[in-house]
């Protein structure tokens, strides 16, 4: 269940990137938007099977840094709303 939850959440993150405007992506090139969506495609369409070792590396190595970047972006939105 843990593996399925991780894979599902990664696919959801990729899907949610499509809801962001292009301006957000252009203004935040520090986030690998295309790679995030590309992973979503590989998971959803099961291109050559899902590499669980890769999934684990993403969850353990990449997600902490991505969380920091996305939190900073979110903070900018909140600050701009209060202006």
PDB file of N, CA and C in Angstrom:
ATOM      1  N   UNK A   1       0.818  -1.198   0.000  1.00  0.00           N
ATOM      2  CA  UNK A   1       0.000   0.000   0.000  1.00  0.00           C
ATOM      3  C   UNK A   1       0.862   1.261   0.000  1.00  0.00           C
ATOM      4  N   UNK A   2       1.973   1.214   0.712  1.00  0.00           N
ATOM      5  CA  UNK A   2       2.853   2.387   0.757  1.00  0.00           C
ATOM      6  C   UNK A   2       3.404   2.699  -0.628  1.00  0.00           C
ATOM      7  N   UNK A   3       3.819   1.677  -1.351  1.00  0.00           N
ATOM      8  CA  UNK A   3       4.343   1.884  -2.701  1.00  0.00           C
ATOM      9  C   UNK A   3       3.263   2.481  -3.595  1.00  0.00           C
ATOM     10  N   UNK A   4       2.080   1.905  -3.543  1.00  0.00           N
ATOM     11  CA  UNK A   4       0.976   2.413  -4.362  1.00  0.00           C
ATOM     12  C   UNK A   4       0.634   3.854  -4.005  1.00  0.00           C
ATOM     13  N   UNK A   5       0.675   4.177  -2.721  1.00  0.00           N
ATOM     14  CA  UNK A   5       0.386   5.545  -2.288  1.00  0.00           C
ATOM     15  C   UNK A   5       1.435   6.515  -2.827  1.00  0.00           C
ATOM     16  N   UNK A   6       2.693   6.135  -2.771  1.00  0.00           N
ATOM     17  CA  UNK A   6       3.761   7.002  -3.281  1.00  0.00           C
ATOM     18  C   UNK A   6       3.610   7.223  -4.780  1.00  0.00           C
ATOM     19  N   UNK A   7       3.378   6.145  -5.508  1.00  0.00           N
ATOM     20  CA  UNK A   7       3.234   6.250  -6.960  1.00  0.00           C
ATOM     21  C   UNK A   7       2.021   7.112  -7.301  1.00  0.00           C
ATOM     22  N   UNK A   8       0.914   6.878  -6.619  1.00  0.00           N
ATOM     23  CA  UNK A   8      -0.293   7.661  -6.879  1.00  0.00           C
ATOM     24  C   UNK A   8      -0.058   9.144  -6.598  1.00  0.00           C
ATOM     25  N   UNK A   9       0.554   9.458  -5.477  1.00  0.00           N
ATOM     26  CA  UNK A   9       0.789  10.861  -5.124  1.00  0.00           C
ATOM     27  C   UNK A   9       1.737  11.537  -6.100  1.00  0.00           C
ATOM     28  N   UNK A  10       2.740  10.820  -6.579  1.00  0.00           N
ATOM     29  CA  UNK A  10       3.627  11.403  -7.584  1.00  0.00           C
ATOM     30  C   UNK A  10       2.858  11.688  -8.878  1.00  0.00           C
ATOM     31  N   UNK A  11       1.960  10.790  -9.245  1.00  0.00           N
ATOM     32  CA  UNK A  11       1.166  11.036 -10.451  1.00  0.00           C
ATOM     33  C   UNK A  11       0.243  12.233 -10.237  1.00  0.00           C
ATOM     34  N   UNK A  12      -0.296  12.388  -9.049  1.00  0.00           N
ATOM     35  CA  UNK A  12      -1.167  13.528  -8.747  1.00  0.00           C
ATOM     36  C   UNK A  12      -0.393  14.846  -8.797  1.00  0.00           C
ATOM     37  N   UNK A  13       0.799  14.845  -8.271  1.00  0.00           N
ATOM     38  CA  UNK A  13       1.630  16.060  -8.323  1.00  0.00           C
ATOM     39  C   UNK A  13       1.863  16.449  -9.776  1.00  0.00           C
ATOM     40  N   UNK A  14       2.186  15.463 -10.607  1.00  0.00           N
ATOM     41  CA  UNK A  14       2.384  15.730 -12.026  1.00  0.00           C
ATOM     42  C   UNK A  14       1.135  16.273 -12.684  1.00  0.00           C
ATOM     43  N   UNK A  15       0.007  15.693 -12.360  1.00  0.00           N
ATOM     44  CA  UNK A  15      -1.258  16.153 -12.937  1.00  0.00           C
ATOM     45  C   UNK A  15      -1.567  17.586 -12.504  1.00  0.00           C
ATOM     46  N   UNK A  16      -1.297  17.909 -11.261  1.00  0.00           N
ATOM     47  CA  UNK A  16      -1.599  19.252 -10.753  1.00  0.00           C
ATOM     48  C   UNK A  16      -0.735  20.333 -11.390  1.00  0.00           C
ATOM     49  N   UNK A  17       0.425  19.948 -11.929  1.00  0.00           N
ATOM     50  CA  UNK A  17       1.246  20.954 -12.608  1.00  0.00           C
ATOM     51  C   UNK A  17       0.531  21.516 -13.828  1.00  0.00           C
ATOM     52  N   UNK A  18      -0.414  20.752 -14.389  1.00  0.00           N
ATOM     53  CA  UNK A  18      -1.156  21.240 -15.554  1.00  0.00           C
ATOM     54  C   UNK A  18      -2.139  22.335 -15.160  1.00  0.00           C
ATOM     55  N   UNK A  19      -2.457  22.435 -13.890  1.00  0.00           N
ATOM     56  CA  UNK A  19      -3.404  23.445 -13.415  1.00  0.00           C
ATOM     57  C   UNK A  19      -2.734  24.801 -13.183  1.00  0.00           C
ATOM     58  N   UNK A  20      -1.411  24.802 -13.171  1.00  0.00           N
ATOM     59  CA  UNK A  20      -0.670  26.047 -12.963  1.00  0.00           C
ATOM     60  C   UNK A  20      -0.599  26.826 -14.271  1.00  0.00           C
ATOM     61  N   UNK A  21      -0.633  28.113 -14.165  1.00  0.00           N
ATOM     62  CA  UNK A  21      -0.464  28.938 -15.350  1.00  0.00           C
ATOM     63  C   UNK A  21       0.976  28.898 -15.847  1.00  0.00           C
ATOM     64  N   UNK A  22       1.136  29.181 -17.125  1.00  0.00           N
ATOM     65  CA  UNK A  22       2.484  29.191 -17.698  1.00  0.00           C
ATOM     66  C   UNK A  22       3.377  30.223 -17.020  1.00  0.00           C
ATOM     67  N   UNK A  23       2.788  31.324 -16.575  1.00  0.00           N
ATOM     68  CA  UNK A  23       3.572  32.373 -15.921  1.00  0.00           C
ATOM     69  C   UNK A  23       4.245  31.845 -14.660  1.00  0.00           C
ATOM     70  N   UNK A  24       3.531  31.025 -13.905  1.00  0.00           N
ATOM     71  CA  UNK A  24       4.106  30.458 -12.673  1.00  0.00           C
ATOM     72  C   UNK A  24       5.309  29.606 -13.022  1.00  0.00           C
ATOM     73  N   UNK A  25       5.196  28.807 -14.060  1.00  0.00           N
ATOM     74  CA  UNK A  25       6.293  27.926 -14.458  1.00  0.00           C
ATOM     75  C   UNK A  25       7.484  28.722 -14.978  1.00  0.00           C
ATOM     76  N   UNK A  26       7.206  29.753 -15.771  1.00  0.00           N
ATOM     77  CA  UNK A  26       8.284  30.576 -16.313  1.00  0.00           C
ATOM     78  C   UNK A  26       8.993  31.337 -15.198  1.00  0.00           C
ATOM     79  N   UNK A  27       8.234  31.835 -14.230  1.00  0.00           N
ATOM     80  CA  UNK A  27       8.807  32.601 -13.125  1.00  0.00           C
ATOM     81  C   UNK A  27       9.536  31.716 -12.111  1.00  0.00           C
ATOM     82  N   UNK A  28       9.355  30.410 -12.213  1.00  0.00           N
ATOM     83  CA  UNK A  28       9.973  29.489 -11.257  1.00  0.00           C
ATOM     84  C   UNK A  28      10.691  28.352 -11.977  1.00  0.00           C
ATOM     85  N   UNK A  29      11.750  28.689 -12.719  1.00  0.00           N
ATOM     86  CA  UNK A  29      12.465  27.659 -13.473  1.00  0.00           C
ATOM     87  C   UNK A  29      13.273  26.707 -12.586  1.00  0.00           C
ATOM     88  N   UNK A  30      13.362  27.013 -11.305  1.00  0.00           N
ATOM     89  CA  UNK A  30      14.089  26.146 -10.380  1.00  0.00           C
ATOM     90  C   UNK A  30      13.356  24.826 -10.149  1.00  0.00           C
ATOM     91  N   UNK A  31      12.095  24.759 -10.561  1.00  0.00           N
ATOM     92  CA  UNK A  31      11.304  23.532 -10.440  1.00  0.00           C
ATOM     93  C   UNK A  31      11.291  22.847 -11.810  1.00  0.00           C
ATOM     94  N   UNK A  32      11.555  21.570 -11.816  1.00  0.00           N
ATOM     95  CA  UNK A  32      11.617  20.784 -13.060  1.00  0.00           C
ATOM     96  C   UNK A  32      10.203  20.383 -13.487  1.00  0.00           C
ATOM     97  N   UNK A  33       9.429  21.361 -13.945  1.00  0.00           N
ATOM     98  CA  UNK A  33       8.023  21.136 -14.274  1.00  0.00           C
ATOM     99  C   UNK A  33       7.835  20.038 -15.311  1.00  0.00           C
ATOM    100  N   UNK A  34       8.624  20.072 -16.370  1.00  0.00           N
ATOM    101  CA  UNK A  34       8.471  19.082 -17.446  1.00  0.00           C
ATOM    102  C   UNK A  34       8.787  17.677 -16.958  1.00  0.00           C
ATOM    103  N   UNK A  35       9.795  17.544 -16.120  1.00  0.00           N
ATOM    104  CA  UNK A  35      10.149  16.231 -15.591  1.00  0.00           C
ATOM    105  C   UNK A  35       9.071  15.710 -14.648  1.00  0.00           C
ATOM    106  N   UNK A  36       8.487  16.602 -13.881  1.00  0.00           N
ATOM    107  CA  UNK A  36       7.417  16.193 -12.963  1.00  0.00           C
ATOM    108  C   UNK A  36       6.234  15.663 -13.762  1.00  0.00           C
ATOM    109  N   UNK A  37       5.866  16.377 -14.822  1.00  0.00           N
ATOM    110  CA  UNK A  37       4.749  15.914 -15.642  1.00  0.00           C
ATOM    111  C   UNK A  37       5.137  14.663 -16.439  1.00  0.00           C
ATOM    112  N   UNK A  38       6.373  14.593 -16.851  1.00  0.00           N
ATOM    113  CA  UNK A  38       6.847  13.406 -17.567  1.00  0.00           C
ATOM    114  C   UNK A  38       6.762  12.154 -16.704  1.00  0.00           C
ATOM    115  N   UNK A  39       7.093  12.288 -15.432  1.00  0.00           N
ATOM    116  CA  UNK A  39       6.966  11.150 -14.518  1.00  0.00           C
ATOM    117  C   UNK A  39       5.507  10.753 -14.399  1.00  0.00           C
ATOM    118  N   UNK A  40       4.640  11.711 -14.339  1.00  0.00           N
ATOM    119  CA  UNK A  40       3.199  11.431 -14.292  1.00  0.00           C
ATOM    120  C   UNK A  40       2.777  10.598 -15.496  1.00  0.00           C
ATOM    121  N   UNK A  41       3.249  10.992 -16.674  1.00  0.00           N
ATOM    122  CA  UNK A  41       2.909  10.248 -17.882  1.00  0.00           C
ATOM    123  C   UNK A  41       3.411   8.806 -17.819  1.00  0.00           C
ATOM    124  N   UNK A  42       4.620   8.637 -17.345  1.00  0.00           N
ATOM    125  CA  UNK A  42       5.179   7.280 -17.261  1.00  0.00           C
ATOM    126  C   UNK A  42       4.392   6.424 -16.279  1.00  0.00           C
ATOM    127  N   UNK A  43       3.975   7.016 -15.182  1.00  0.00           N
ATOM    128  CA  UNK A  43       3.199   6.269 -14.188  1.00  0.00           C
ATOM    129  C   UNK A  43       1.828   5.915 -14.752  1.00  0.00           C
ATOM    130  N   UNK A  44       1.137   6.919 -15.274  1.00  0.00           N
ATOM    131  CA  UNK A  44      -0.243   6.732 -15.719  1.00  0.00           C
ATOM    132  C   UNK A  44      -0.320   5.797 -16.922  1.00  0.00           C
ATOM    133  N   UNK A  45       0.606   5.942 -17.838  1.00  0.00           N
ATOM    134  CA  UNK A  45       0.555   5.149 -19.056  1.00  0.00           C
ATOM    135  C   UNK A  45       1.431   3.903 -18.980  1.00  0.00           C
ATOM    136  N   UNK A  46       2.140   3.750 -17.868  1.00  0.00           N
ATOM    137  CA  UNK A  46       2.979   2.574 -17.606  1.00  0.00           C
ATOM    138  C   UNK A  46       3.933   2.279 -18.750  1.00  0.00           C
ATOM    139  N   UNK A  47       4.587   3.323 -19.244  1.00  0.00           N
ATOM    140  CA  UNK A  47       5.578   3.130 -20.286  1.00  0.00           C
ATOM    141  C   UNK A  47       6.692   2.251 -19.750  1.00  0.00           C
ATOM    142  N   UNK A  48       6.815   1.069 -20.301  1.00  0.00           N
ATOM    143  CA  UNK A  48       7.862   0.104 -19.934  1.00  0.00           C
ATOM    144  C   UNK A  48       7.834  -0.253 -18.455  1.00  0.00           C
ATOM    145  N   UNK A  49       6.703  -0.126 -17.823  1.00  0.00           N
ATOM    146  CA  UNK A  49       6.606  -0.452 -16.404  1.00  0.00           C
ATOM    147  C   UNK A  49       7.173   0.656 -15.540  1.00  0.00           C
ATOM    148  N   UNK A  50       6.709   0.727 -14.332  1.00  0.00           N
ATOM    149  CA  UNK A  50       7.174   1.740 -13.391  1.00  0.00           C
ATOM    150  C   UNK A  50       8.387   1.192 -12.660  1.00  0.00           C
ATOM    151  N   UNK A  51       9.470   1.936 -12.704  1.00  0.00           N
ATOM    152  CA  UNK A  51      10.712   1.543 -12.044  1.00  0.00           C
ATOM    153  C   UNK A  51      10.614   1.939 -10.571  1.00  0.00           C
ATOM    154  N   UNK A  52      10.388   0.949  -9.717  1.00  0.00           N
ATOM    155  CA  UNK A  52      10.183   1.249  -8.301  1.00  0.00           C
ATOM    156  C   UNK A  52      11.436   1.790  -7.620  1.00  0.00           C
ATOM    157  N   UNK A  53      12.588   1.419  -8.112  1.00  0.00           N
ATOM    158  CA  UNK A  53      13.831   1.987  -7.556  1.00  0.00           C
ATOM    159  C   UNK A  53      13.879   3.485  -7.848  1.00  0.00           C
ATOM    160  N   UNK A  54      13.484   3.866  -9.059  1.00  0.00           N
ATOM    161  CA  UNK A  54      13.432   5.287  -9.422  1.00  0.00           C
ATOM    162  C   UNK A  54      12.411   6.022  -8.567  1.00  0.00           C
ATOM    163  N   UNK A  55      11.252   5.406  -8.363  1.00  0.00           N
ATOM    164  CA  UNK A  55      10.220   6.018  -7.518  1.00  0.00           C
ATOM    165  C   UNK A  55      10.775   6.271  -6.127  1.00  0.00           C
ATOM    166  N   UNK A  56      11.464   5.288  -5.563  1.00  0.00           N
ATOM    167  CA  UNK A  56      12.020   5.451  -4.222  1.00  0.00           C
ATOM    168  C   UNK A  56      13.064   6.565  -4.190  1.00  0.00           C
ATOM    169  N   UNK A  57      13.912   6.644  -5.209  1.00  0.00           N
ATOM    170  CA  UNK A  57      14.919   7.706  -5.260  1.00  0.00           C
ATOM    171  C   UNK A  57      14.248   9.077  -5.328  1.00  0.00           C
ATOM    172  N   UNK A  58      13.186   9.173  -6.084  1.00  0.00           N
ATOM    173  CA  UNK A  58      12.468  10.449  -6.179  1.00  0.00           C
ATOM    174  C   UNK A  58      11.860  10.811  -4.833  1.00  0.00           C
ATOM    175  N   UNK A  59      11.199   9.848  -4.213  1.00  0.00           N
ATOM    176  CA  UNK A  59      10.556  10.115  -2.921  1.00  0.00           C
ATOM    177  C   UNK A  59      11.585  10.474  -1.859  1.00  0.00           C
ATOM    178  N   UNK A  60      12.673   9.741  -1.800  1.00  0.00           N
ATOM    179  CA  UNK A  60      13.640   9.956  -0.720  1.00  0.00           C
ATOM    180  C   UNK A  60      14.633  11.084  -1.003  1.00  0.00           C
ATOM    181  N   UNK A  61      15.007  11.264  -2.275  1.00  0.00           N
ATOM    182  CA  UNK A  61      16.048  12.247  -2.590  1.00  0.00           C
ATOM    183  C   UNK A  61      15.503  13.573  -3.121  1.00  0.00           C
ATOM    184  N   UNK A  62      14.499  13.507  -3.976  1.00  0.00           N
ATOM    185  CA  UNK A  62      14.049  14.710  -4.675  1.00  0.00           C
ATOM    186  C   UNK A  62      12.890  15.430  -3.997  1.00  0.00           C
ATOM    187  N   UNK A  63      12.011  14.688  -3.367  1.00  0.00           N
ATOM    188  CA  UNK A  63      10.816  15.311  -2.784  1.00  0.00           C
ATOM    189  C   UNK A  63      11.112  16.318  -1.679  1.00  0.00           C
ATOM    190  N   UNK A  64      12.076  16.065  -0.802  1.00  0.00           N
ATOM    191  CA  UNK A  64      12.334  17.090   0.229  1.00  0.00           C
ATOM    192  C   UNK A  64      12.718  18.447  -0.381  1.00  0.00           C
ATOM    193  N   UNK A  65      13.563  18.431  -1.399  1.00  0.00           N
ATOM    194  CA  UNK A  65      13.960  19.679  -2.050  1.00  0.00           C
ATOM    195  C   UNK A  65      12.786  20.299  -2.811  1.00  0.00           C
ATOM    196  N   UNK A  66      11.991  19.470  -3.482  1.00  0.00           N
ATOM    197  CA  UNK A  66      10.826  19.984  -4.198  1.00  0.00           C
ATOM    198  C   UNK A  66       9.846  20.627  -3.229  1.00  0.00           C
ATOM    199  N   UNK A  67       9.667  20.018  -2.098  1.00  0.00           N
ATOM    200  CA  UNK A  67       8.752  20.585  -1.095  1.00  0.00           C
ATOM    201  C   UNK A  67       9.198  21.978  -0.667  1.00  0.00           C
ATOM    202  N   UNK A  68      10.484  22.147  -0.460  1.00  0.00           N
ATOM    203  CA  UNK A  68      11.025  23.456  -0.076  1.00  0.00           C
ATOM    204  C   UNK A  68      10.750  24.487  -1.164  1.00  0.00           C
ATOM    205  N   UNK A  69      10.992  24.101  -2.419  1.00  0.00           N
ATOM    206  CA  UNK A  69      10.771  25.024  -3.532  1.00  0.00           C
ATOM    207  C   UNK A  69       9.296  25.391  -3.661  1.00  0.00           C
ATOM    208  N   UNK A  70       8.428  24.395  -3.570  1.00  0.00           N
ATOM    209  CA  UNK A  70       7.000  24.668  -3.717  1.00  0.00           C
ATOM    210  C   UNK A  70       6.454  25.477  -2.550  1.00  0.00           C
ATOM    211  N   UNK A  71       6.983  25.245  -1.353  1.00  0.00           N
ATOM    212  CA  UNK A  71       6.569  26.031  -0.192  1.00  0.00           C
ATOM    213  C   UNK A  71       6.952  27.494  -0.372  1.00  0.00           C
ATOM    214  N   UNK A  72       8.128  27.742  -0.931  1.00  0.00           N
ATOM    215  CA  UNK A  72       8.567  29.119  -1.185  1.00  0.00           C
ATOM    216  C   UNK A  72       7.668  29.789  -2.217  1.00  0.00           C
ATOM    217  N   UNK A  73       7.285  29.049  -3.260  1.00  0.00           N
ATOM    218  CA  UNK A  73       6.387  29.594  -4.274  1.00  0.00           C
ATOM    219  C   UNK A  73       5.032  29.914  -3.649  1.00  0.00           C
ATOM    220  N   UNK A  74       4.534  29.002  -2.846  1.00  0.00           N
ATOM    221  CA  UNK A  74       3.247  29.210  -2.178  1.00  0.00           C
ATOM    222  C   UNK A  74       3.308  30.442  -1.278  1.00  0.00           C
ATOM    223  N   UNK A  75       4.398  30.596  -0.565  1.00  0.00           N
ATOM    224  CA  UNK A  75       4.556  31.747   0.321  1.00  0.00           C
ATOM    225  C   UNK A  75       4.489  33.049  -0.472  1.00  0.00           C
ATOM    226  N   UNK A  76       5.076  33.072  -1.644  1.00  0.00           N
ATOM    227  CA  UNK A  76       5.031  34.250  -2.500  1.00  0.00           C
ATOM    228  C   UNK A  76       3.596  34.580  -2.888  1.00  0.00           C
ATOM    229  N   UNK A  77       2.810  33.552  -3.219  1.00  0.00           N
ATOM    230  CA  UNK A  77       1.404  33.777  -3.555  1.00  0.00           C
ATOM    231  C   UNK A  77       0.651  34.362  -2.373  1.00  0.00           C
ATOM    232  N   UNK A  78       0.870  33.818  -1.192  1.00  0.00           N
ATOM    233  CA  UNK A  78       0.171  34.294   0.004  1.00  0.00           C
ATOM    234  C   UNK A  78       0.554  35.744   0.288  1.00  0.00           C
ATOM    235  N   UNK A  79       1.833  36.058   0.173  1.00  0.00           N
ATOM    236  CA  UNK A  79       2.285  37.435   0.419  1.00  0.00           C
ATOM    237  C   UNK A  79       1.686  38.395  -0.595  1.00  0.00           C
ATOM    238  N   UNK A  80       1.589  37.988  -1.848  1.00  0.00           N
ATOM    239  CA  UNK A  80       1.039  38.859  -2.894  1.00  0.00           C
ATOM    240  C   UNK A  80      -0.464  39.066  -2.732  1.00  0.00           C
ATOM    241  N   UNK A  81      -1.155  38.076  -2.181  1.00  0.00           N
ATOM    242  CA  UNK A  81      -2.597  38.212  -1.924  1.00  0.00           C
ATOM    243  C   UNK A  81      -2.887  39.241  -0.861  1.00  0.00           C
ATOM    244  N   UNK A  82      -2.005  39.366   0.113  1.00  0.00           N
ATOM    245  CA  UNK A  82      -2.251  40.280   1.223  1.00  0.00           C
ATOM    246  C   UNK A  82      -1.889  41.728   0.896  1.00  0.00           C
ATOM    247  N   UNK A  83      -1.341  41.947  -0.279  1.00  0.00           N
ATOM    248  CA  UNK A  83      -0.948  43.305  -0.686  1.00  0.00           C
ATOM    249  C   UNK A  83      -2.128  44.041  -1.246  1.00  0.00           C
TER     250      UNK A  83
END
